[in-house]
Amino acid sequence: MELLKILPRLLTNGFTSRISKQDGLINTTDLLVATAATVILATGVGGAMIGTLDGSRYGKAQPDAQTLAVALAQFYKDTGRWPGQAEHAAITGATKPAVFLVSAGVTDTNVLPEATGTALSVADTVCSVASLEGFSGVSIDAGTLETATRLNINDYLVRKPDETRYPNWKGPYLQQEMKTDPWDRAWVLNLQPLYCAETILDATGTVSALTSGNLGYAWILSGGTNKTVATLFTSGQLDPNGEDAGVNMGKILTRGAGGVDAD
């Protein structure tokens, strides 16, 4: 089509440039095709840019989650407790509420990710006799991200917590506050299984028999591009149909005579 021959010149000189007699006149059909071609080109470029941006976001999200995991392991090695464990253990009564840690938005629900189905929730459960301090035989209520008690992870990894509850704190364990994920939503951490000594591999790398109880796995999760977490806490893998980013703490921690080490 003659349009394809003159289109580069039109784009270079502008639509006000005069078309020579050899080029011929552009009819209505040609204008429609030109418009459609412009839209397709624009869509293609936009899609490529969005794909590149998402790729870079995921490229940042996974290292961020891994950084959190390493910081958590170091916090435990120094203090003998996981972030939020002492506060959770201090709650009186026959049962304790579900507790999740978030990287931001403890009070601002606008930055909390949404959840697909029963993701970001735990069921009623009783910690086993092998539980850590303050949780042996304790019942923890069912809860979701919206209804559970939320604690800010930066109050433990960046800002020094109560020394009587977390002795030998040698932080900060992060160079700066971990606020939101690359999609401007809070990271969500389920550390309750760690309070109950669950989802920890033994010294040989074998998964504990207690792993994946009603409390689920210890996850650090982001909702990714759609800002909606699809991975269940009771799943050991990221949801293959979702867009989540994150780290399963049970896969990177080992428990031995010397405590907990990060792989």
C-alpha atoms as a PDB file:
ATOM      1  CA  MET A   1       0.000   0.000   0.000  1.00  0.00           C
ATOM      2  CA  GLU A   2       1.193   3.495  -0.877  1.00  0.00           C
ATOM      3  CA  LEU A   3       0.483   4.542   2.719  1.00  0.00           C
ATOM      4  CA  LEU A   4       3.307   2.379   4.009  1.00  0.00           C
ATOM      5  CA  LYS A   5       5.715   4.204   1.705  1.00  0.00           C
ATOM      6  CA  ILE A   6       4.711   7.688   2.827  1.00  0.00           C
ATOM      7  CA  LEU A   7       3.992   7.000   6.532  1.00  0.00           C
ATOM      8  CA  PRO A   8       7.618   7.521   7.659  1.00  0.00           C
ATOM      9  CA  ARG A   9       7.670  10.881   5.848  1.00  0.00           C
ATOM     10  CA  LEU A  10       4.397  11.895   7.453  1.00  0.00           C
ATOM     11  CA  LEU A  11       5.718  11.058  10.898  1.00  0.00           C
ATOM     12  CA  THR A  12       8.943  12.953  10.191  1.00  0.00           C
ATOM     13  CA  ASN A  13       7.515  16.102   8.578  1.00  0.00           C
ATOM     14  CA  GLY A  14       4.169  16.286  10.333  1.00  0.00           C
ATOM     15  CA  PHE A  15       0.644  15.999   8.985  1.00  0.00           C
ATOM     16  CA  THR A  16       0.742  19.578   7.660  1.00  0.00           C
ATOM     17  CA  SER A  17       3.470  18.749   5.140  1.00  0.00           C
ATOM     18  CA  ARG A  18       2.430  18.766   1.488  1.00  0.00           C
ATOM     19  CA  ILE A  19       2.110  15.381  -0.232  1.00  0.00           C
ATOM     20  CA  SER A  20       3.549  15.223  -3.704  1.00  0.00           C
ATOM     21  CA  LYS A  21       1.525  14.235  -6.735  1.00  0.00           C
ATOM     22  CA  GLN A  22       3.568  11.036  -7.031  1.00  0.00           C
ATOM     23  CA  ASP A  23       2.430   9.982  -3.579  1.00  0.00           C
ATOM     24  CA  GLY A  24      -1.217  10.515  -4.395  1.00  0.00           C
ATOM     25  CA  LEU A  25      -4.015  11.539  -2.074  1.00  0.00           C
ATOM     26  CA  ILE A  26      -4.780   9.804   1.219  1.00  0.00           C
ATOM     27  CA  ASN A  27      -8.396   8.610   1.286  1.00  0.00           C
ATOM     28  CA  THR A  28     -10.610   7.883   4.262  1.00  0.00           C
ATOM     29  CA  THR A  29      -9.661   4.197   4.326  1.00  0.00           C
ATOM     30  CA  ASP A  30      -5.971   5.067   4.454  1.00  0.00           C
ATOM     31  CA  LEU A  31      -6.594   7.433   7.381  1.00  0.00           C
ATOM     32  CA  LEU A  32      -8.431   4.703   9.279  1.00  0.00           C
ATOM     33  CA  VAL A  33      -5.599   2.270   8.644  1.00  0.00           C
ATOM     34  CA  ALA A  34      -3.056   4.869   9.725  1.00  0.00           C
ATOM     35  CA  THR A  35      -5.017   5.534  12.912  1.00  0.00           C
ATOM     36  CA  ALA A  36      -5.287   1.807  13.658  1.00  0.00           C
ATOM     37  CA  ALA A  37      -1.568   1.335  13.008  1.00  0.00           C
ATOM     38  CA  THR A  38      -0.757   4.196  15.376  1.00  0.00           C
ATOM     39  CA  VAL A  39      -2.929   2.672  18.121  1.00  0.00           C
ATOM     40  CA  ILE A  40      -1.355  -0.770  17.643  1.00  0.00           C
ATOM     41  CA  LEU A  41       2.141   0.685  17.742  1.00  0.00           C
ATOM     42  CA  ALA A  42       1.337   2.705  20.860  1.00  0.00           C
ATOM     43  CA  THR A  43      -0.232  -0.338  22.561  1.00  0.00           C
ATOM     44  CA  GLY A  44       2.738  -2.497  21.719  1.00  0.00           C
ATOM     45  CA  VAL A  45       5.231  -0.020  23.114  1.00  0.00           C
ATOM     46  CA  GLY A  46       3.103   0.554  26.219  1.00  0.00           C
ATOM     47  CA  GLY A  47       2.766  -3.177  26.825  1.00  0.00           C
ATOM     48  CA  ALA A  48       6.507  -3.657  26.457  1.00  0.00           C
ATOM     49  CA  MET A  49       7.182  -0.844  28.914  1.00  0.00           C
ATOM     50  CA  ILE A  50       4.719  -2.255  31.445  1.00  0.00           C
ATOM     51  CA  GLY A  51       6.264  -5.713  31.087  1.00  0.00           C
ATOM     52  CA  THR A  52       9.729  -4.269  31.655  1.00  0.00           C
ATOM     53  CA  LEU A  53       8.565  -2.341  34.702  1.00  0.00           C
ATOM     54  CA  ASP A  54       6.916  -5.436  36.207  1.00  0.00           C
ATOM     55  CA  GLY A  55      10.026  -7.453  35.531  1.00  0.00           C
ATOM     56  CA  SER A  56      12.141  -4.901  37.362  1.00  0.00           C
ATOM     57  CA  ARG A  57       9.671  -4.854  40.247  1.00  0.00           C
ATOM     58  CA  TYR A  58       9.840  -8.627  40.644  1.00  0.00           C
ATOM     59  CA  GLY A  59      13.594  -8.355  40.328  1.00  0.00           C
ATOM     60  CA  LYS A  60      13.516  -6.091  43.384  1.00  0.00           C
ATOM     61  CA  ALA A  61      10.776  -7.922  45.304  1.00  0.00           C
ATOM     62  CA  GLN A  62      12.522 -11.276  45.688  1.00  0.00           C
ATOM     63  CA  PRO A  63      15.803  -9.831  47.023  1.00  0.00           C
ATOM     64  CA  ASP A  64      13.783  -7.631  49.401  1.00  0.00           C
ATOM     65  CA  ALA A  65      11.973 -10.694  50.756  1.00  0.00           C
ATOM     66  CA  GLN A  66      15.253 -12.543  51.099  1.00  0.00           C
ATOM     67  CA  THR A  67      16.765  -9.561  52.932  1.00  0.00           C
ATOM     68  CA  LEU A  68      13.866  -9.636  55.387  1.00  0.00           C
ATOM     69  CA  ALA A  69      14.330 -13.374  55.919  1.00  0.00           C
ATOM     70  CA  VAL A  70      18.048 -13.028  56.681  1.00  0.00           C
ATOM     71  CA  ALA A  71      17.352 -10.109  59.051  1.00  0.00           C
ATOM     72  CA  LEU A  72      14.718 -12.159  60.873  1.00  0.00           C
ATOM     73  CA  ALA A  73      17.104 -15.071  61.313  1.00  0.00           C
ATOM     74  CA  GLN A  74      19.811 -12.779  62.714  1.00  0.00           C
ATOM     75  CA  PHE A  75      17.293 -11.145  65.066  1.00  0.00           C
ATOM     76  CA  TYR A  76      16.401 -14.584  66.418  1.00  0.00           C
ATOM     77  CA  LYS A  77      20.035 -15.623  66.830  1.00  0.00           C
ATOM     78  CA  ASP A  78      20.732 -12.510  68.889  1.00  0.00           C
ATOM     79  CA  THR A  79      17.575 -12.291  71.019  1.00  0.00           C
ATOM     80  CA  GLY A  80      16.318 -15.873  71.166  1.00  0.00           C
ATOM     81  CA  ARG A  81      12.873 -14.744  70.049  1.00  0.00           C
ATOM     82  CA  TRP A  82      11.122 -13.868  66.817  1.00  0.00           C
ATOM     83  CA  PRO A  83       9.769 -10.350  66.287  1.00  0.00           C
ATOM     84  CA  GLY A  84       6.434  -9.979  68.050  1.00  0.00           C
ATOM     85  CA  GLN A  85       6.801 -13.249  69.949  1.00  0.00           C
ATOM     86  CA  ALA A  86       7.266 -11.644  73.366  1.00  0.00           C
ATOM     87  CA  GLU A  87       4.285  -9.311  72.919  1.00  0.00           C
ATOM     88  CA  HIS A  88       2.137 -12.175  71.695  1.00  0.00           C
ATOM     89  CA  ALA A  89       3.174 -14.410  74.603  1.00  0.00           C
ATOM     90  CA  ALA A  90       2.382 -11.631  77.097  1.00  0.00           C
ATOM     91  CA  ILE A  91      -1.284 -11.508  76.075  1.00  0.00           C
ATOM     92  CA  THR A  92      -3.247 -13.035  78.931  1.00  0.00           C
ATOM     93  CA  GLY A  93      -6.196 -15.387  78.683  1.00  0.00           C
ATOM     94  CA  ALA A  94      -6.893 -18.931  77.551  1.00  0.00           C
ATOM     95  CA  THR A  95      -6.422 -18.038  73.902  1.00  0.00           C
ATOM     96  CA  LYS A  96      -4.348 -15.546  71.984  1.00  0.00           C
ATOM     97  CA  PRO A  97      -5.441 -13.603  68.918  1.00  0.00           C
ATOM     98  CA  ALA A  98      -3.864 -14.199  65.537  1.00  0.00           C
ATOM     99  CA  VAL A  99      -0.952 -11.830  64.896  1.00  0.00           C
ATOM    100  CA  PHE A 100       0.653 -10.822  61.607  1.00  0.00           C
ATOM    101  CA  LEU A 101       3.590  -8.518  61.028  1.00  0.00           C
ATOM    102  CA  VAL A 102       3.513  -5.999  58.209  1.00  0.00           C
ATOM    103  CA  SER A 103       6.184  -3.780  56.735  1.00  0.00           C
ATOM    104  CA  ALA A 104       3.858  -0.752  56.759  1.00  0.00           C
ATOM    105  CA  GLY A 105       0.253   0.195  57.299  1.00  0.00           C
ATOM    106  CA  VAL A 106      -0.362  -1.094  60.809  1.00  0.00           C
ATOM    107  CA  THR A 107      -3.133   1.486  61.060  1.00  0.00           C
ATOM    108  CA  ASP A 108      -3.414   2.540  57.413  1.00  0.00           C
ATOM    109  CA  THR A 109      -5.413  -0.226  55.750  1.00  0.00           C
ATOM    110  CA  ASN A 110      -5.046   1.451  52.357  1.00  0.00           C
ATOM    111  CA  VAL A 111      -1.590  -0.085  51.895  1.00  0.00           C
ATOM    112  CA  LEU A 112      -2.575  -3.602  52.941  1.00  0.00           C
ATOM    113  CA  PRO A 113      -2.780  -6.102  50.074  1.00  0.00           C
ATOM    114  CA  GLU A 114      -6.044  -7.828  49.308  1.00  0.00           C
ATOM    115  CA  ALA A 115      -6.376 -11.599  49.505  1.00  0.00           C
ATOM    116  CA  THR A 116      -7.798 -14.253  47.233  1.00  0.00           C
ATOM    117  CA  GLY A 117     -10.044 -16.752  49.029  1.00  0.00           C
ATOM    118  CA  THR A 118      -8.600 -17.835  52.367  1.00  0.00           C
ATOM    119  CA  ALA A 119      -5.118 -16.461  51.718  1.00  0.00           C
ATOM    120  CA  LEU A 120      -3.668 -14.310  54.529  1.00  0.00           C
ATOM    121  CA  SER A 121      -5.638 -16.213  57.172  1.00  0.00           C
ATOM    122  CA  VAL A 122      -4.977 -18.862  59.819  1.00  0.00           C
ATOM    123  CA  ALA A 123      -7.361 -21.303  61.479  1.00  0.00           C
ATOM    124  CA  ASP A 124      -7.851 -22.045  65.178  1.00  0.00           C
ATOM    125  CA  THR A 125      -4.944 -24.139  66.427  1.00  0.00           C
ATOM    126  CA  VAL A 126      -3.127 -25.203  69.567  1.00  0.00           C
ATOM    127  CA  CYS A 127       0.638 -24.927  69.683  1.00  0.00           C
ATOM    128  CA  SER A 128       2.377 -28.238  70.350  1.00  0.00           C
ATOM    129  CA  VAL A 129       4.340 -29.148  73.447  1.00  0.00           C
ATOM    130  CA  ALA A 130       7.489 -28.313  71.487  1.00  0.00           C
ATOM    131  CA  SER A 131       6.417 -24.688  71.293  1.00  0.00           C
ATOM    132  CA  LEU A 132       8.708 -21.828  72.130  1.00  0.00           C
ATOM    133  CA  GLU A 133       8.481 -19.758  75.301  1.00  0.00           C
ATOM    134  CA  GLY A 134       4.954 -18.679  76.182  1.00  0.00           C
ATOM    135  CA  PHE A 135       3.199 -20.837  73.573  1.00  0.00           C
ATOM    136  CA  SER A 136       3.347 -24.439  74.760  1.00  0.00           C
ATOM    137  CA  GLY A 137      -0.185 -25.822  74.576  1.00  0.00           C
ATOM    138  CA  VAL A 138      -1.589 -22.348  73.901  1.00  0.00           C
ATOM    139  CA  SER A 139      -4.597 -21.898  71.626  1.00  0.00           C
ATOM    140  CA  ILE A 140      -4.350 -19.228  68.921  1.00  0.00           C
ATOM    141  CA  ASP A 141      -7.589 -17.942  67.449  1.00  0.00           C
ATOM    142  CA  ALA A 142      -8.409 -17.935  63.776  1.00  0.00           C
ATOM    143  CA  GLY A 143      -7.740 -14.639  62.083  1.00  0.00           C
ATOM    144  CA  THR A 144      -7.265 -12.778  58.832  1.00  0.00           C
ATOM    145  CA  LEU A 145      -5.076  -9.847  57.914  1.00  0.00           C
ATOM    146  CA  GLU A 146      -8.037  -7.524  58.476  1.00  0.00           C
ATOM    147  CA  THR A 147      -9.052  -8.884  61.901  1.00  0.00           C
ATOM    148  CA  ALA A 148      -5.761 -10.053  63.411  1.00  0.00           C
ATOM    149  CA  THR A 149      -3.460  -7.942  65.531  1.00  0.00           C
ATOM    150  CA  ARG A 150      -0.887  -6.267  63.272  1.00  0.00           C
ATOM    151  CA  LEU A 151       2.646  -5.386  64.322  1.00  0.00           C
ATOM    152  CA  ASN A 152       5.191  -3.347  62.365  1.00  0.00           C
ATOM    153  CA  ILE A 153       8.278  -5.369  61.469  1.00  0.00           C
ATOM    154  CA  ASN A 154      10.405  -2.208  61.545  1.00  0.00           C
ATOM    155  CA  ASP A 155       9.778  -1.906  65.285  1.00  0.00           C
ATOM    156  CA  TYR A 156      11.997  -4.959  65.680  1.00  0.00           C
ATOM    157  CA  LEU A 157      14.443  -5.011  62.801  1.00  0.00           C
ATOM    158  CA  VAL A 158      15.198  -1.267  62.598  1.00  0.00           C
ATOM    159  CA  ARG A 159      14.093   0.349  65.873  1.00  0.00           C
ATOM    160  CA  LYS A 160      15.291  -1.201  69.135  1.00  0.00           C
ATOM    161  CA  PRO A 161      12.455  -3.023  70.934  1.00  0.00           C
ATOM    162  CA  ASP A 162      11.996  -3.418  74.700  1.00  0.00           C
ATOM    163  CA  GLU A 163      15.336  -4.751  75.953  1.00  0.00           C
ATOM    164  CA  THR A 164      13.712  -6.796  78.712  1.00  0.00           C
ATOM    165  CA  ARG A 165      11.714  -8.689  76.093  1.00  0.00           C
ATOM    166  CA  TYR A 166      14.442  -8.886  73.456  1.00  0.00           C
ATOM    167  CA  PRO A 167      17.840  -8.956  75.205  1.00  0.00           C
ATOM    168  CA  ASN A 168      21.086  -8.825  73.234  1.00  0.00           C
ATOM    169  CA  TRP A 169      19.487  -6.935  70.352  1.00  0.00           C
ATOM    170  CA  LYS A 170      22.356  -5.923  68.069  1.00  0.00           C
ATOM    171  CA  GLY A 171      20.449  -4.203  65.299  1.00  0.00           C
ATOM    172  CA  PRO A 172      19.478  -2.492  63.211  1.00  0.00           C
ATOM    173  CA  TYR A 173      19.156  -5.573  61.009  1.00  0.00           C
ATOM    174  CA  LEU A 174      18.042  -3.571  57.982  1.00  0.00           C
ATOM    175  CA  GLN A 175      19.844  -0.568  56.537  1.00  0.00           C
ATOM    176  CA  GLN A 176      16.545   1.293  56.318  1.00  0.00           C
ATOM    177  CA  GLU A 177      12.877   0.702  57.049  1.00  0.00           C
ATOM    178  CA  MET A 178      11.132  -1.813  54.853  1.00  0.00           C
ATOM    179  CA  LYS A 179       7.911   0.046  54.137  1.00  0.00           C
ATOM    180  CA  THR A 180       6.123  -1.248  51.055  1.00  0.00           C
ATOM    181  CA  ASP A 181       6.768  -3.717  48.287  1.00  0.00           C
ATOM    182  CA  PRO A 182       7.544  -2.489  44.737  1.00  0.00           C
ATOM    183  CA  TRP A 183       3.790  -2.196  44.089  1.00  0.00           C
ATOM    184  CA  ASP A 184       3.245   0.151  47.081  1.00  0.00           C
ATOM    185  CA  ARG A 185       1.577  -2.457  49.274  1.00  0.00           C
ATOM    186  CA  ALA A 186       2.778  -3.742  52.624  1.00  0.00           C
ATOM    187  CA  TRP A 187       4.673  -6.986  52.963  1.00  0.00           C
ATOM    188  CA  VAL A 188       2.783  -9.479  55.156  1.00  0.00           C
ATOM    189  CA  LEU A 189       4.654 -11.852  57.464  1.00  0.00           C
ATOM    190  CA  ASN A 190       3.174 -14.886  59.190  1.00  0.00           C
ATOM    191  CA  LEU A 191       5.605 -15.683  62.012  1.00  0.00           C
ATOM    192  CA  GLN A 192       3.127 -17.509  64.262  1.00  0.00           C
ATOM    193  CA  PRO A 193       4.407 -20.954  63.182  1.00  0.00           C
ATOM    194  CA  LEU A 194       7.869 -19.882  64.323  1.00  0.00           C
ATOM    195  CA  TYR A 195       6.467 -18.909  67.724  1.00  0.00           C
ATOM    196  CA  CYS A 196       5.220 -22.502  67.962  1.00  0.00           C
ATOM    197  CA  ALA A 197       8.509 -23.974  66.675  1.00  0.00           C
ATOM    198  CA  GLU A 198       6.801 -25.099  63.478  1.00  0.00           C
ATOM    199  CA  THR A 199       7.883 -24.787  59.838  1.00  0.00           C
ATOM    200  CA  ILE A 200      11.536 -25.142  60.823  1.00  0.00           C
ATOM    201  CA  LEU A 201      13.732 -27.705  59.085  1.00  0.00           C
ATOM    202  CA  ASP A 202      15.782 -29.911  61.380  1.00  0.00           C
ATOM    203  CA  ALA A 203      19.579 -29.996  61.321  1.00  0.00           C
ATOM    204  CA  THR A 204      19.608 -32.528  58.476  1.00  0.00           C
ATOM    205  CA  GLY A 205      17.324 -30.396  56.304  1.00  0.00           C
ATOM    206  CA  THR A 206      14.306 -32.654  56.832  1.00  0.00           C
ATOM    207  CA  VAL A 207      10.979 -30.872  57.233  1.00  0.00           C
ATOM    208  CA  SER A 208       9.599 -31.123  60.763  1.00  0.00           C
ATOM    209  CA  ALA A 209       6.485 -33.265  61.189  1.00  0.00           C
ATOM    210  CA  LEU A 210       4.806 -30.213  62.706  1.00  0.00           C
ATOM    211  CA  THR A 211       5.254 -28.182  59.541  1.00  0.00           C
ATOM    212  CA  SER A 212       2.143 -26.792  57.881  1.00  0.00           C
ATOM    213  CA  GLY A 213      -0.350 -27.051  60.699  1.00  0.00           C
ATOM    214  CA  ASN A 214      -3.356 -24.733  60.917  1.00  0.00           C
ATOM    215  CA  LEU A 215      -0.963 -21.868  61.554  1.00  0.00           C
ATOM    216  CA  GLY A 216       0.523 -22.564  58.169  1.00  0.00           C
ATOM    217  CA  TYR A 217       4.026 -21.832  56.973  1.00  0.00           C
ATOM    218  CA  ALA A 218       6.090 -18.836  57.975  1.00  0.00           C
ATOM    219  CA  TRP A 219       5.749 -16.672  54.860  1.00  0.00           C
ATOM    220  CA  ILE A 220       6.957 -13.254  53.759  1.00  0.00           C
ATOM    221  CA  LEU A 221       4.455 -12.346  51.055  1.00  0.00           C
ATOM    222  CA  SER A 222       3.719  -9.617  48.516  1.00  0.00           C
ATOM    223  CA  GLY A 223       0.658  -9.544  46.273  1.00  0.00           C
ATOM    224  CA  GLY A 224       2.741  -8.644  43.237  1.00  0.00           C
ATOM    225  CA  THR A 225       1.323  -6.927  40.175  1.00  0.00           C
ATOM    226  CA  ASN A 226      -2.355  -7.368  41.069  1.00  0.00           C
ATOM    227  CA  LYS A 227      -1.664  -6.406  44.713  1.00  0.00           C
ATOM    228  CA  THR A 228      -3.677  -9.442  45.806  1.00  0.00           C
ATOM    229  CA  VAL A 229      -2.079 -12.339  47.695  1.00  0.00           C
ATOM    230  CA  ALA A 230      -3.181 -15.735  46.393  1.00  0.00           C
ATOM    231  CA  THR A 231      -0.708 -17.964  48.247  1.00  0.00           C
ATOM    232  CA  LEU A 232      -2.221 -19.773  51.223  1.00  0.00           C
ATOM    233  CA  PHE A 233      -0.244 -19.789  54.452  1.00  0.00           C
ATOM    234  CA  THR A 234      -0.864 -23.550  54.520  1.00  0.00           C
ATOM    235  CA  SER A 235       0.888 -23.973  51.169  1.00  0.00           C
ATOM    236  CA  GLY A 236       4.620 -24.530  50.945  1.00  0.00           C
ATOM    237  CA  GLN A 237       4.801 -22.993  47.451  1.00  0.00           C
ATOM    238  CA  LEU A 238       3.836 -19.677  45.910  1.00  0.00           C
ATOM    239  CA  ASP A 239       0.449 -19.992  44.201  1.00  0.00           C
ATOM    240  CA  PRO A 240       1.237 -20.875  40.565  1.00  0.00           C
ATOM    241  CA  ASN A 241      -1.903 -19.085  39.359  1.00  0.00           C
ATOM    242  CA  GLY A 242      -1.215 -15.892  41.289  1.00  0.00           C
ATOM    243  CA  GLU A 243       1.246 -13.038  40.861  1.00  0.00           C
ATOM    244  CA  ASP A 244       2.788 -13.197  44.334  1.00  0.00           C
ATOM    245  CA  ALA A 245       6.388 -12.659  45.334  1.00  0.00           C
ATOM    246  CA  GLY A 246       7.819 -13.911  48.593  1.00  0.00           C
ATOM    247  CA  VAL A 247       9.897 -16.278  50.659  1.00  0.00           C
ATOM    248  CA  ASN A 248       8.873 -19.367  52.625  1.00  0.00           C
ATOM    249  CA  MET A 249      10.919 -19.089  55.826  1.00  0.00           C
ATOM    250  CA  GLY A 250      10.657 -22.824  56.470  1.00  0.00           C
ATOM    251  CA  LYS A 251      12.825 -23.421  53.407  1.00  0.00           C
ATOM    252  CA  ILE A 252      15.691 -21.173  54.401  1.00  0.00           C
ATOM    253  CA  LEU A 253      15.978 -21.833  58.130  1.00  0.00           C
ATOM    254  CA  THR A 254      17.511 -24.827  59.860  1.00  0.00           C
ATOM    255  CA  ARG A 255      17.323 -25.643  63.545  1.00  0.00           C
ATOM    256  CA  GLY A 256      20.351 -27.241  65.141  1.00  0.00           C
ATOM    257  CA  ALA A 257      22.014 -27.382  68.546  1.00  0.00           C
ATOM    258  CA  GLY A 258      23.310 -23.875  67.993  1.00  0.00           C
ATOM    259  CA  GLY A 259      19.910 -22.368  67.215  1.00  0.00           C
ATOM    260  CA  VAL A 260      18.590 -21.214  63.872  1.00  0.00           C
ATOM    261  CA  ASP A 261      20.738 -20.554  60.819  1.00  0.00           C
ATOM    262  CA  ALA A 262      19.850 -19.121  57.459  1.00  0.00           C
ATOM    263  CA  ASP A 263      20.832 -21.285  54.501  1.00  0.00           C
END
